[in-house]
Amino acid sequence: MTVENAGVALARQATDALRRLDDQGRVLRPDGVDHFTWSADVLDELARLAETIGRAVERVSGESAPGAESHAQALATAIVAHRNALLRHGGGHDPFPGGGDRTNPEVTAARSLGELHLTA
């Protein structure tokens, strides 16, 4: 017996979309669009997605999930930091020349990405 579950269907659509992005990557960038601008826009959305996943875990389960929320915030922060590093260093060059520190930053503020200023 199969039970129709809108929640599962929505989560599956999100997973499928992310898998497509993972599989096809830069091939999805339209012709004539600057790859840094395109990448920055996609990374902004991925950061929002990470944050949303943390909240969705709590809302779907109906219980507090501080571990999921904090990890989602850390992932969102790391994505934004990576985006900013790409824009600062441009040209596809290694943003950590000479083998510099590649560790991800700690979450510096537990607030919505909508409140963060996402400019380079």
PDB file of N, CA and C in Angstrom:
ATOM      1  N   MET A   1       0.834  -1.156   0.000  1.00  0.00           N
ATOM      2  CA  MET A   1       0.000   0.000   0.000  1.00  0.00           C
ATOM      3  C   MET A   1       0.896   1.242   0.000  1.00  0.00           C
ATOM      4  N   THR A   2       0.640   2.171  -0.907  1.00  0.00           N
ATOM      5  CA  THR A   2       1.410   3.404  -1.006  1.00  0.00           C
ATOM      6  C   THR A   2       0.573   4.566  -0.487  1.00  0.00           C
ATOM      7  N   VAL A   3       1.135   5.313   0.415  1.00  0.00           N
ATOM      8  CA  VAL A   3       0.457   6.475   0.971  1.00  0.00           C
ATOM      9  C   VAL A   3       1.043   7.708   0.295  1.00  0.00           C
ATOM     10  N   GLU A   4       0.163   8.555  -0.246  1.00  0.00           N
ATOM     11  CA  GLU A   4       0.632   9.784  -0.859  1.00  0.00           C
ATOM     12  C   GLU A   4       1.169  10.686   0.239  1.00  0.00           C
ATOM     13  N   ASN A   5       2.379  11.168   0.066  1.00  0.00           N
ATOM     14  CA  ASN A   5       3.026  11.980   1.084  1.00  0.00           C
ATOM     15  C   ASN A   5       3.637  13.197   0.411  1.00  0.00           C
ATOM     16  N   ALA A   6       2.991  14.335   0.535  1.00  0.00           N
ATOM     17  CA  ALA A   6       3.460  15.560  -0.106  1.00  0.00           C
ATOM     18  C   ALA A   6       4.830  15.969   0.413  1.00  0.00           C
ATOM     19  N   GLY A   7       5.088  15.725   1.697  1.00  0.00           N
ATOM     20  CA  GLY A   7       6.392  16.072   2.269  1.00  0.00           C
ATOM     21  C   GLY A   7       7.516  15.295   1.618  1.00  0.00           C
ATOM     22  N   VAL A   8       7.321  13.999   1.467  1.00  0.00           N
ATOM     23  CA  VAL A   8       8.340  13.164   0.816  1.00  0.00           C
ATOM     24  C   VAL A   8       8.520  13.609  -0.638  1.00  0.00           C
ATOM     25  N   ALA A   9       7.420  13.888  -1.320  1.00  0.00           N
ATOM     26  CA  ALA A   9       7.498  14.310  -2.722  1.00  0.00           C
ATOM     27  C   ALA A   9       8.284  15.609  -2.859  1.00  0.00           C
ATOM     28  N   LEU A  10       8.030  16.567  -1.981  1.00  0.00           N
ATOM     29  CA  LEU A  10       8.767  17.838  -2.042  1.00  0.00           C
ATOM     30  C   LEU A  10      10.244  17.640  -1.728  1.00  0.00           C
ATOM     31  N   ALA A  11      10.555  16.845  -0.719  1.00  0.00           N
ATOM     32  CA  ALA A  11      11.952  16.586  -0.380  1.00  0.00           C
ATOM     33  C   ALA A  11      12.656  15.865  -1.532  1.00  0.00           C
ATOM     34  N   ARG A  12      11.955  14.934  -2.178  1.00  0.00           N
ATOM     35  CA  ARG A  12      12.528  14.208  -3.311  1.00  0.00           C
ATOM     36  C   ARG A  12      12.795  15.146  -4.485  1.00  0.00           C
ATOM     37  N   GLN A  13      11.880  16.085  -4.745  1.00  0.00           N
ATOM     38  CA  GLN A  13      12.100  17.066  -5.822  1.00  0.00           C
ATOM     39  C   GLN A  13      13.331  17.916  -5.534  1.00  0.00           C
ATOM     40  N   ALA A  14      13.481  18.340  -4.283  1.00  0.00           N
ATOM     41  CA  ALA A  14      14.646  19.145  -3.908  1.00  0.00           C
ATOM     42  C   ALA A  14      15.933  18.342  -4.081  1.00  0.00           C
ATOM     43  N   THR A  15      15.897  17.075  -3.667  1.00  0.00           N
ATOM     44  CA  THR A  15      17.062  16.212  -3.809  1.00  0.00           C
ATOM     45  C   THR A  15      17.400  15.998  -5.279  1.00  0.00           C
ATOM     46  N   ASP A  16      16.391  15.753  -6.099  1.00  0.00           N
ATOM     47  CA  ASP A  16      16.616  15.553  -7.528  1.00  0.00           C
ATOM     48  C   ASP A  16      17.212  16.799  -8.183  1.00  0.00           C
ATOM     49  N   ALA A  17      16.708  17.969  -7.799  1.00  0.00           N
ATOM     50  CA  ALA A  17      17.238  19.224  -8.352  1.00  0.00           C
ATOM     51  C   ALA A  17      18.694  19.409  -7.953  1.00  0.00           C
ATOM     52  N   LEU A  18      19.025  19.114  -6.700  1.00  0.00           N
ATOM     53  CA  LEU A  18      20.401  19.257  -6.244  1.00  0.00           C
ATOM     54  C   LEU A  18      21.316  18.244  -6.924  1.00  0.00           C
ATOM     55  N   ARG A  19      20.818  17.036  -7.135  1.00  0.00           N
ATOM     56  CA  ARG A  19      21.611  16.031  -7.861  1.00  0.00           C
ATOM     57  C   ARG A  19      21.883  16.484  -9.295  1.00  0.00           C
ATOM     58  N   ARG A  20      20.890  17.111  -9.927  1.00  0.00           N
ATOM     59  CA  ARG A  20      21.089  17.613 -11.287  1.00  0.00           C
ATOM     60  C   ARG A  20      22.169  18.695 -11.288  1.00  0.00           C
ATOM     61  N   LEU A  21      22.121  19.577 -10.322  1.00  0.00           N
ATOM     62  CA  LEU A  21      23.138  20.621 -10.208  1.00  0.00           C
ATOM     63  C   LEU A  21      24.507  20.001  -9.982  1.00  0.00           C
ATOM     64  N   ASP A  22      24.572  18.993  -9.145  1.00  0.00           N
ATOM     65  CA  ASP A  22      25.826  18.295  -8.868  1.00  0.00           C
ATOM     66  C   ASP A  22      26.350  17.577 -10.113  1.00  0.00           C
ATOM     67  N   ASP A  23      25.472  16.906 -10.819  1.00  0.00           N
ATOM     68  CA  ASP A  23      25.874  16.148 -12.002  1.00  0.00           C
ATOM     69  C   ASP A  23      26.296  17.036 -13.166  1.00  0.00           C
ATOM     70  N   GLN A  24      25.593  18.145 -13.360  1.00  0.00           N
ATOM     71  CA  GLN A  24      25.812  18.950 -14.560  1.00  0.00           C
ATOM     72  C   GLN A  24      26.625  20.214 -14.307  1.00  0.00           C
ATOM     73  N   GLY A  25      26.684  20.655 -13.067  1.00  0.00           N
ATOM     74  CA  GLY A  25      27.514  21.784 -12.686  1.00  0.00           C
ATOM     75  C   GLY A  25      27.488  22.948 -13.647  1.00  0.00           C
ATOM     76  N   ARG A  26      28.647  23.348 -14.117  1.00  0.00           N
ATOM     77  CA  ARG A  26      28.782  24.539 -14.958  1.00  0.00           C
ATOM     78  C   ARG A  26      28.127  24.406 -16.328  1.00  0.00           C
ATOM     79  N   VAL A  27      27.793  23.203 -16.741  1.00  0.00           N
ATOM     80  CA  VAL A  27      27.091  23.033 -18.015  1.00  0.00           C
ATOM     81  C   VAL A  27      25.749  23.773 -17.981  1.00  0.00           C
ATOM     82  N   LEU A  28      25.217  23.965 -16.792  1.00  0.00           N
ATOM     83  CA  LEU A  28      23.932  24.645 -16.645  1.00  0.00           C
ATOM     84  C   LEU A  28      24.035  26.159 -16.846  1.00  0.00           C
ATOM     85  N   ARG A  29      25.265  26.692 -16.825  1.00  0.00           N
ATOM     86  CA  ARG A  29      25.431  28.138 -17.003  1.00  0.00           C
ATOM     87  C   ARG A  29      25.068  28.519 -18.427  1.00  0.00           C
ATOM     88  N   PRO A  30      24.160  29.489 -18.581  1.00  0.00           N
ATOM     89  CA  PRO A  30      23.765  29.914 -19.932  1.00  0.00           C
ATOM     90  C   PRO A  30      24.938  30.531 -20.689  1.00  0.00           C
ATOM     91  N   ASP A  31      24.938  30.373 -21.996  1.00  0.00           N
ATOM     92  CA  ASP A  31      25.972  30.978 -22.834  1.00  0.00           C
ATOM     93  C   ASP A  31      25.968  32.486 -22.651  1.00  0.00           C
ATOM     94  N   GLY A  32      27.145  33.061 -22.633  1.00  0.00           N
ATOM     95  CA  GLY A  32      27.269  34.503 -22.549  1.00  0.00           C
ATOM     96  C   GLY A  32      27.149  35.074 -21.148  1.00  0.00           C
ATOM     97  N   VAL A  33      26.957  34.229 -20.147  1.00  0.00           N
ATOM     98  CA  VAL A  33      26.844  34.704 -18.768  1.00  0.00           C
ATOM     99  C   VAL A  33      28.194  34.507 -18.082  1.00  0.00           C
ATOM    100  N   ASP A  34      28.670  35.564 -17.437  1.00  0.00           N
ATOM    101  CA  ASP A  34      29.940  35.511 -16.714  1.00  0.00           C
ATOM    102  C   ASP A  34      29.915  34.387 -15.691  1.00  0.00           C
ATOM    103  N   HIS A  35      30.950  33.531 -15.711  1.00  0.00           N
ATOM    104  CA  HIS A  35      30.914  32.361 -14.830  1.00  0.00           C
ATOM    105  C   HIS A  35      31.049  32.727 -13.356  1.00  0.00           C
ATOM    106  N   PHE A  36      31.733  33.829 -13.027  1.00  0.00           N
ATOM    107  CA  PHE A  36      31.824  34.224 -11.619  1.00  0.00           C
ATOM    108  C   PHE A  36      30.480  34.733 -11.109  1.00  0.00           C
ATOM    109  N   THR A  37      29.799  35.513 -11.910  1.00  0.00           N
ATOM    110  CA  THR A  37      28.478  36.019 -11.521  1.00  0.00           C
ATOM    111  C   THR A  37      27.507  34.863 -11.373  1.00  0.00           C
ATOM    112  N   TRP A  38      27.520  33.964 -12.348  1.00  0.00           N
ATOM    113  CA  TRP A  38      26.632  32.799 -12.309  1.00  0.00           C
ATOM    114  C   TRP A  38      26.928  31.950 -11.080  1.00  0.00           C
ATOM    115  N   SER A  39      28.209  31.669 -10.843  1.00  0.00           N
ATOM    116  CA  SER A  39      28.587  30.848  -9.688  1.00  0.00           C
ATOM    117  C   SER A  39      28.164  31.505  -8.387  1.00  0.00           C
ATOM    118  N   ALA A  40      28.387  32.817  -8.280  1.00  0.00           N
ATOM    119  CA  ALA A  40      28.014  33.536  -7.055  1.00  0.00           C
ATOM    120  C   ALA A  40      26.514  33.437  -6.807  1.00  0.00           C
ATOM    121  N   ASP A  41      25.727  33.590  -7.850  1.00  0.00           N
ATOM    122  CA  ASP A  41      24.275  33.497  -7.704  1.00  0.00           C
ATOM    123  C   ASP A  41      23.851  32.096  -7.261  1.00  0.00           C
ATOM    124  N   VAL A  42      24.434  31.073  -7.861  1.00  0.00           N
ATOM    125  CA  VAL A  42      24.089  29.692  -7.492  1.00  0.00           C
ATOM    126  C   VAL A  42      24.535  29.408  -6.056  1.00  0.00           C
ATOM    127  N   LEU A  43      25.732  29.866  -5.691  1.00  0.00           N
ATOM    128  CA  LEU A  43      26.216  29.642  -4.330  1.00  0.00           C
ATOM    129  C   LEU A  43      25.347  30.359  -3.301  1.00  0.00           C
ATOM    130  N   ASP A  44      24.856  31.553  -3.630  1.00  0.00           N
ATOM    131  CA  ASP A  44      23.926  32.242  -2.726  1.00  0.00           C
ATOM    132  C   ASP A  44      22.687  31.382  -2.474  1.00  0.00           C
ATOM    133  N   GLU A  45      22.154  30.807  -3.534  1.00  0.00           N
ATOM    134  CA  GLU A  45      20.960  29.966  -3.389  1.00  0.00           C
ATOM    135  C   GLU A  45      21.268  28.690  -2.612  1.00  0.00           C
ATOM    136  N   LEU A  46      22.450  28.116  -2.829  1.00  0.00           N
ATOM    137  CA  LEU A  46      22.826  26.914  -2.077  1.00  0.00           C
ATOM    138  C   LEU A  46      22.973  27.224  -0.592  1.00  0.00           C
ATOM    139  N   ALA A  47      23.477  28.415  -0.262  1.00  0.00           N
ATOM    140  CA  ALA A  47      23.575  28.817   1.146  1.00  0.00           C
ATOM    141  C   ALA A  47      22.181  28.942   1.752  1.00  0.00           C
ATOM    142  N   ARG A  48      21.268  29.524   1.004  1.00  0.00           N
ATOM    143  CA  ARG A  48      19.883  29.626   1.487  1.00  0.00           C
ATOM    144  C   ARG A  48      19.261  28.238   1.663  1.00  0.00           C
ATOM    145  N   LEU A  49      19.575  27.348   0.737  1.00  0.00           N
ATOM    146  CA  LEU A  49      19.078  25.979   0.822  1.00  0.00           C
ATOM    147  C   LEU A  49      19.597  25.293   2.082  1.00  0.00           C
ATOM    148  N   ALA A  50      20.885  25.446   2.362  1.00  0.00           N
ATOM    149  CA  ALA A  50      21.458  24.818   3.560  1.00  0.00           C
ATOM    150  C   ALA A  50      20.745  25.302   4.810  1.00  0.00           C
ATOM    151  N   GLU A  51      20.542  26.600   4.891  1.00  0.00           N
ATOM    152  CA  GLU A  51      19.848  27.170   6.047  1.00  0.00           C
ATOM    153  C   GLU A  51      18.413  26.642   6.143  1.00  0.00           C
ATOM    154  N   THR A  52      17.748  26.551   5.018  1.00  0.00           N
ATOM    155  CA  THR A  52      16.364  26.077   4.985  1.00  0.00           C
ATOM    156  C   THR A  52      16.269  24.626   5.425  1.00  0.00           C
ATOM    157  N   ILE A  53      17.233  23.821   5.054  1.00  0.00           N
ATOM    158  CA  ILE A  53      17.228  22.413   5.465  1.00  0.00           C
ATOM    159  C   ILE A  53      17.268  22.309   6.983  1.00  0.00           C
ATOM    160  N   GLY A  54      18.096  23.116   7.619  1.00  0.00           N
ATOM    161  CA  GLY A  54      18.164  23.092   9.083  1.00  0.00           C
ATOM    162  C   GLY A  54      16.828  23.398   9.727  1.00  0.00           C
ATOM    163  N   ARG A  55      16.135  24.408   9.200  1.00  0.00           N
ATOM    164  CA  ARG A  55      14.818  24.750   9.746  1.00  0.00           C
ATOM    165  C   ARG A  55      13.794  23.668   9.424  1.00  0.00           C
ATOM    166  N   ALA A  56      13.854  23.120   8.224  1.00  0.00           N
ATOM    167  CA  ALA A  56      12.883  22.108   7.804  1.00  0.00           C
ATOM    168  C   ALA A  56      12.970  20.857   8.679  1.00  0.00           C
ATOM    169  N   VAL A  57      14.167  20.490   9.101  1.00  0.00           N
ATOM    170  CA  VAL A  57      14.324  19.319   9.973  1.00  0.00           C
ATOM    171  C   VAL A  57      13.490  19.499  11.237  1.00  0.00           C
ATOM    172  N   GLU A  58      13.560  20.697  11.814  1.00  0.00           N
ATOM    173  CA  GLU A  58      12.791  20.957  13.033  1.00  0.00           C
ATOM    174  C   GLU A  58      11.294  20.998  12.757  1.00  0.00           C
ATOM    175  N   ARG A  59      10.905  21.645  11.678  1.00  0.00           N
ATOM    176  CA  ARG A  59       9.477  21.796  11.391  1.00  0.00           C
ATOM    177  C   ARG A  59       8.835  20.472  10.997  1.00  0.00           C
ATOM    178  N   VAL A  60       9.535  19.665  10.244  1.00  0.00           N
ATOM    179  CA  VAL A  60       8.988  18.369   9.835  1.00  0.00           C
ATOM    180  C   VAL A  60       8.888  17.431  11.029  1.00  0.00           C
ATOM    181  N   SER A  61       9.922  17.424  11.862  1.00  0.00           N
ATOM    182  CA  SER A  61       9.917  16.514  13.007  1.00  0.00           C
ATOM    183  C   SER A  61       9.035  17.022  14.141  1.00  0.00           C
ATOM    184  N   GLY A  62       8.827  18.338  14.176  1.00  0.00           N
ATOM    185  CA  GLY A  62       8.036  18.909  15.258  1.00  0.00           C
ATOM    186  C   GLY A  62       8.800  19.020  16.558  1.00  0.00           C
ATOM    187  N   GLU A  63      10.099  18.802  16.503  1.00  0.00           N
ATOM    188  CA  GLU A  63      10.945  18.873  17.697  1.00  0.00           C
ATOM    189  C   GLU A  63      12.191  19.684  17.399  1.00  0.00           C
ATOM    190  N   SER A  64      12.731  20.276  18.429  1.00  0.00           N
ATOM    191  CA  SER A  64      13.972  21.037  18.289  1.00  0.00           C
ATOM    192  C   SER A  64      15.093  20.122  17.805  1.00  0.00           C
ATOM    193  N   ALA A  65      15.877  20.631  16.868  1.00  0.00           N
ATOM    194  CA  ALA A  65      17.014  19.871  16.340  1.00  0.00           C
ATOM    195  C   ALA A  65      18.220  20.806  16.262  1.00  0.00           C
ATOM    196  N   PRO A  66      18.750  21.211  17.435  1.00  0.00           N
ATOM    197  CA  PRO A  66      19.818  22.191  17.438  1.00  0.00           C
ATOM    198  C   PRO A  66      21.069  21.736  16.691  1.00  0.00           C
ATOM    199  N   GLY A  67      21.350  20.450  16.690  1.00  0.00           N
ATOM    200  CA  GLY A  67      22.513  19.938  15.945  1.00  0.00           C
ATOM    201  C   GLY A  67      22.338  20.140  14.458  1.00  0.00           C
ATOM    202  N   ALA A  68      21.174  19.806  13.950  1.00  0.00           N
ATOM    203  CA  ALA A  68      20.912  19.985  12.516  1.00  0.00           C
ATOM    204  C   ALA A  68      20.930  21.468  12.164  1.00  0.00           C
ATOM    205  N   GLU A  69      20.315  22.275  13.009  1.00  0.00           N
ATOM    206  CA  GLU A  69      20.252  23.719  12.765  1.00  0.00           C
ATOM    207  C   GLU A  69      21.650  24.329  12.758  1.00  0.00           C
ATOM    208  N   SER A  70      22.487  23.985  13.730  1.00  0.00           N
ATOM    209  CA  SER A  70      23.818  24.585  13.801  1.00  0.00           C
ATOM    210  C   SER A  70      24.711  24.098  12.662  1.00  0.00           C
ATOM    211  N   HIS A  71      24.587  22.832  12.290  1.00  0.00           N
ATOM    212  CA  HIS A  71      25.372  22.327  11.156  1.00  0.00           C
ATOM    213  C   HIS A  71      24.920  22.976   9.848  1.00  0.00           C
ATOM    214  N   ALA A  72      23.622  23.172   9.710  1.00  0.00           N
ATOM    215  CA  ALA A  72      23.107  23.833   8.510  1.00  0.00           C
ATOM    216  C   ALA A  72      23.615  25.269   8.443  1.00  0.00           C
ATOM    217  N   GLN A  73      23.641  25.969   9.575  1.00  0.00           N
ATOM    218  CA  GLN A  73      24.166  27.333   9.627  1.00  0.00           C
ATOM    219  C   GLN A  73      25.652  27.343   9.282  1.00  0.00           C
ATOM    220  N   ALA A  74      26.401  26.372   9.802  1.00  0.00           N
ATOM    221  CA  ALA A  74      27.836  26.291   9.500  1.00  0.00           C
ATOM    222  C   ALA A  74      28.056  26.054   8.010  1.00  0.00           C
ATOM    223  N   LEU A  75      27.248  25.190   7.416  1.00  0.00           N
ATOM    224  CA  LEU A  75      27.369  24.942   5.982  1.00  0.00           C
ATOM    225  C   LEU A  75      27.038  26.197   5.185  1.00  0.00           C
ATOM    226  N   ALA A  76      25.968  26.875   5.554  1.00  0.00           N
ATOM    227  CA  ALA A  76      25.600  28.118   4.866  1.00  0.00           C
ATOM    228  C   ALA A  76      26.713  29.148   4.974  1.00  0.00           C
ATOM    229  N   THR A  77      27.311  29.267   6.152  1.00  0.00           N
ATOM    230  CA  THR A  77      28.409  30.212   6.362  1.00  0.00           C
ATOM    231  C   THR A  77      29.616  29.845   5.500  1.00  0.00           C
ATOM    232  N   ALA A  78      29.929  28.554   5.426  1.00  0.00           N
ATOM    233  CA  ALA A  78      31.056  28.102   4.612  1.00  0.00           C
ATOM    234  C   ALA A  78      30.816  28.361   3.126  1.00  0.00           C
ATOM    235  N   ILE A  79      29.583  28.170   2.676  1.00  0.00           N
ATOM    236  CA  ILE A  79      29.251  28.426   1.269  1.00  0.00           C
ATOM    237  C   ILE A  79      29.417  29.901   0.947  1.00  0.00           C
ATOM    238  N   VAL A  80      28.911  30.777   1.817  1.00  0.00           N
ATOM    239  CA  VAL A  80      29.037  32.214   1.594  1.00  0.00           C
ATOM    240  C   VAL A  80      30.514  32.625   1.623  1.00  0.00           C
ATOM    241  N   ALA A  81      31.290  32.063   2.541  1.00  0.00           N
ATOM    242  CA  ALA A  81      32.722  32.371   2.602  1.00  0.00           C
ATOM    243  C   ALA A  81      33.421  31.940   1.319  1.00  0.00           C
ATOM    244  N   HIS A  82      33.057  30.775   0.791  1.00  0.00           N
ATOM    245  CA  HIS A  82      33.653  30.286  -0.453  1.00  0.00           C
ATOM    246  C   HIS A  82      33.275  31.206  -1.611  1.00  0.00           C
ATOM    247  N   ARG A  83      32.007  31.584  -1.660  1.00  0.00           N
ATOM    248  CA  ARG A  83      31.539  32.510  -2.698  1.00  0.00           C
ATOM    249  C   ARG A  83      32.325  33.808  -2.642  1.00  0.00           C
ATOM    250  N   ASN A  84      32.477  34.360  -1.453  1.00  0.00           N
ATOM    251  CA  ASN A  84      33.205  35.617  -1.305  1.00  0.00           C
ATOM    252  C   ASN A  84      34.669  35.468  -1.696  1.00  0.00           C
ATOM    253  N   ALA A  85      35.279  34.332  -1.350  1.00  0.00           N
ATOM    254  CA  ALA A  85      36.672  34.093  -1.722  1.00  0.00           C
ATOM    255  C   ALA A  85      36.817  34.028  -3.239  1.00  0.00           C
ATOM    256  N   LEU A  86      35.876  33.370  -3.905  1.00  0.00           N
ATOM    257  CA  LEU A  86      35.932  33.295  -5.371  1.00  0.00           C
ATOM    258  C   LEU A  86      35.830  34.678  -5.989  1.00  0.00           C
ATOM    259  N   LEU A  87      34.926  35.492  -5.470  1.00  0.00           N
ATOM    260  CA  LEU A  87      34.746  36.831  -6.022  1.00  0.00           C
ATOM    261  C   LEU A  87      35.944  37.723  -5.724  1.00  0.00           C
ATOM    262  N   ARG A  88      36.530  37.583  -4.533  1.00  0.00           N
ATOM    263  CA  ARG A  88      37.697  38.394  -4.175  1.00  0.00           C
ATOM    264  C   ARG A  88      38.908  38.040  -5.023  1.00  0.00           C
ATOM    265  N   HIS A  89      39.103  36.755  -5.229  1.00  0.00           N
ATOM    266  CA  HIS A  89      40.312  36.304  -5.913  1.00  0.00           C
ATOM    267  C   HIS A  89      40.128  36.154  -7.412  1.00  0.00           C
ATOM    268  N   GLY A  90      38.884  35.961  -7.846  1.00  0.00           N
ATOM    269  CA  GLY A  90      38.537  35.938  -9.268  1.00  0.00           C
ATOM    270  C   GLY A  90      39.444  35.072 -10.122  1.00  0.00           C
ATOM    271  N   GLY A  91      39.107  35.018 -11.372  1.00  0.00           N
ATOM    272  CA  GLY A  91      39.933  34.346 -12.364  1.00  0.00           C
ATOM    273  C   GLY A  91      40.124  32.860 -12.168  1.00  0.00           C
ATOM    274  N   GLY A  92      39.409  32.251 -11.231  1.00  0.00           N
ATOM    275  CA  GLY A  92      39.542  30.813 -11.025  1.00  0.00           C
ATOM    276  C   GLY A  92      40.837  30.425 -10.358  1.00  0.00           C
ATOM    277  N   HIS A  93      41.592  31.401  -9.842  1.00  0.00           N
ATOM    278  CA  HIS A  93      42.846  31.097  -9.169  1.00  0.00           C
ATOM    279  C   HIS A  93      42.573  30.529  -7.795  1.00  0.00           C
ATOM    280  N   ASP A  94      43.557  29.803  -7.281  1.00  0.00           N
ATOM    281  CA  ASP A  94      43.435  29.232  -5.951  1.00  0.00           C
ATOM    282  C   ASP A  94      43.326  30.360  -4.927  1.00  0.00           C
ATOM    283  N   PRO A  95      42.198  30.450  -4.186  1.00  0.00           N
ATOM    284  CA  PRO A  95      42.071  31.511  -3.194  1.00  0.00           C
ATOM    285  C   PRO A  95      42.990  31.311  -1.988  1.00  0.00           C
ATOM    286  N   PHE A  96      43.666  30.146  -1.926  1.00  0.00           N
ATOM    287  CA  PHE A  96      44.589  29.845  -0.834  1.00  0.00           C
ATOM    288  C   PHE A  96      45.969  29.507  -1.400  1.00  0.00           C
ATOM    289  N   PRO A  97      46.627  30.454  -2.092  1.00  0.00           N
ATOM    290  CA  PRO A  97      47.929  30.148  -2.690  1.00  0.00           C
ATOM    291  C   PRO A  97      48.938  29.764  -1.610  1.00  0.00           C
ATOM    292  N   GLY A  98      49.853  28.911  -1.984  1.00  0.00           N
ATOM    293  CA  GLY A  98      50.883  28.498  -1.036  1.00  0.00           C
ATOM    294  C   GLY A  98      50.397  27.549   0.030  1.00  0.00           C
ATOM    295  N   GLY A  99      49.227  26.942  -0.179  1.00  0.00           N
ATOM    296  CA  GLY A  99      48.728  25.945   0.774  1.00  0.00           C
ATOM    297  C   GLY A  99      48.191  26.547   2.047  1.00  0.00           C
ATOM    298  N   GLY A 100      47.657  27.759   1.968  1.00  0.00           N
ATOM    299  CA  GLY A 100      47.105  28.432   3.143  1.00  0.00           C
ATOM    300  C   GLY A 100      45.994  27.631   3.798  1.00  0.00           C
ATOM    301  N   ASP A 101      45.520  28.132   4.903  1.00  0.00           N
ATOM    302  CA  ASP A 101      44.491  27.470   5.695  1.00  0.00           C
ATOM    303  C   ASP A 101      43.219  27.274   4.886  1.00  0.00           C
ATOM    304  N   ARG A 102      42.780  26.036   4.741  1.00  0.00           N
ATOM    305  CA  ARG A 102      41.579  25.713   3.980  1.00  0.00           C
ATOM    306  C   ARG A 102      40.425  25.316   4.892  1.00  0.00           C
ATOM    307  N   THR A 103      40.541  25.575   6.166  1.00  0.00           N
ATOM    308  CA  THR A 103      39.464  25.177   7.072  1.00  0.00           C
ATOM    309  C   THR A 103      38.275  26.106   6.911  1.00  0.00           C
ATOM    310  N   ASN A 104      37.103  25.568   7.128  1.00  0.00           N
ATOM    311  CA  ASN A 104      35.884  26.350   7.018  1.00  0.00           C
ATOM    312  C   ASN A 104      35.696  27.200   8.264  1.00  0.00           C
ATOM    313  N   PRO A 105      35.116  28.386   8.091  1.00  0.00           N
ATOM    314  CA  PRO A 105      34.903  29.254   9.247  1.00  0.00           C
ATOM    315  C   PRO A 105      33.800  28.725  10.147  1.00  0.00           C
ATOM    316  N   GLU A 106      33.885  29.094  11.419  1.00  0.00           N
ATOM    317  CA  GLU A 106      32.808  28.790  12.356  1.00  0.00           C
ATOM    318  C   GLU A 106      31.630  29.704  12.028  1.00  0.00           C
ATOM    319  N   VAL A 107      30.443  29.308  12.414  1.00  0.00           N
ATOM    320  CA  VAL A 107      29.290  30.176  12.243  1.00  0.00           C
ATOM    321  C   VAL A 107      29.497  31.380  13.149  1.00  0.00           C
ATOM    322  N   THR A 108      29.395  32.557  12.564  1.00  0.00           N
ATOM    323  CA  THR A 108      29.641  33.759  13.353  1.00  0.00           C
ATOM    324  C   THR A 108      28.360  34.390  13.859  1.00  0.00           C
ATOM    325  N   ALA A 109      27.237  34.034  13.274  1.00  0.00           N
ATOM    326  CA  ALA A 109      25.960  34.583  13.732  1.00  0.00           C
ATOM    327  C   ALA A 109      24.858  33.606  13.380  1.00  0.00           C
ATOM    328  N   ALA A 110      24.031  33.292  14.343  1.00  0.00           N
ATOM    329  CA  ALA A 110      22.907  32.393  14.092  1.00  0.00           C
ATOM    330  C   ALA A 110      21.708  33.241  13.699  1.00  0.00           C
ATOM    331  N   ARG A 111      21.714  33.716  12.458  1.00  0.00           N
ATOM    332  CA  ARG A 111      20.595  34.513  11.952  1.00  0.00           C
ATOM    333  C   ARG A 111      20.334  34.125  10.513  1.00  0.00           C
ATOM    334  N   SER A 112      19.218  34.514  10.028  1.00  0.00           N
ATOM    335  CA  SER A 112      18.792  34.171   8.687  1.00  0.00           C
ATOM    336  C   SER A 112      19.716  34.768   7.639  1.00  0.00           C
ATOM    337  N   LEU A 113      19.993  34.008   6.579  1.00  0.00           N
ATOM    338  CA  LEU A 113      20.806  34.525   5.481  1.00  0.00           C
ATOM    339  C   LEU A 113      20.152  35.721   4.830  1.00  0.00           C
ATOM    340  N   GLY A 114      18.846  35.799   4.914  1.00  0.00           N
ATOM    341  CA  GLY A 114      18.157  36.949   4.372  1.00  0.00           C
ATOM    342  C   GLY A 114      18.582  38.240   5.057  1.00  0.00           C
ATOM    343  N   GLU A 115      19.096  38.117   6.280  1.00  0.00           N
ATOM    344  CA  GLU A 115      19.565  39.276   7.028  1.00  0.00           C
ATOM    345  C   GLU A 115      21.023  39.585   6.739  1.00  0.00           C
ATOM    346  N   LEU A 116      21.746  38.625   6.152  1.00  0.00           N
ATOM    347  CA  LEU A 116      23.167  38.826   5.885  1.00  0.00           C
ATOM    348  C   LEU A 116      23.342  39.635   4.612  1.00  0.00           C
ATOM    349  N   HIS A 117      24.378  40.409   4.571  1.00  0.00           N
ATOM    350  CA  HIS A 117      24.699  41.206   3.378  1.00  0.00           C
ATOM    351  C   HIS A 117      25.629  40.339   2.540  1.00  0.00           C
ATOM    352  N   LEU A 118      25.139  39.825   1.424  1.00  0.00           N
ATOM    353  CA  LEU A 118      25.888  38.866   0.625  1.00  0.00           C
ATOM    354  C   LEU A 118      26.614  39.542  -0.540  1.00  0.00           C
ATOM    355  N   THR A 119      27.429  40.513  -0.279  1.00  0.00           N
ATOM    356  CA  THR A 119      28.194  41.150  -1.351  1.00  0.00           C
ATOM    357  C   THR A 119      29.663  40.910  -1.111  1.00  0.00           C
ATOM    358  N   ALA A 120      30.416  40.996  -2.188  1.00  0.00           N
ATOM    359  CA  ALA A 120      31.843  40.761  -2.092  1.00  0.00           C
ATOM    360  C   ALA A 120      32.540  41.988  -1.560  1.00  0.00           C
TER     361      ALA A 120
END
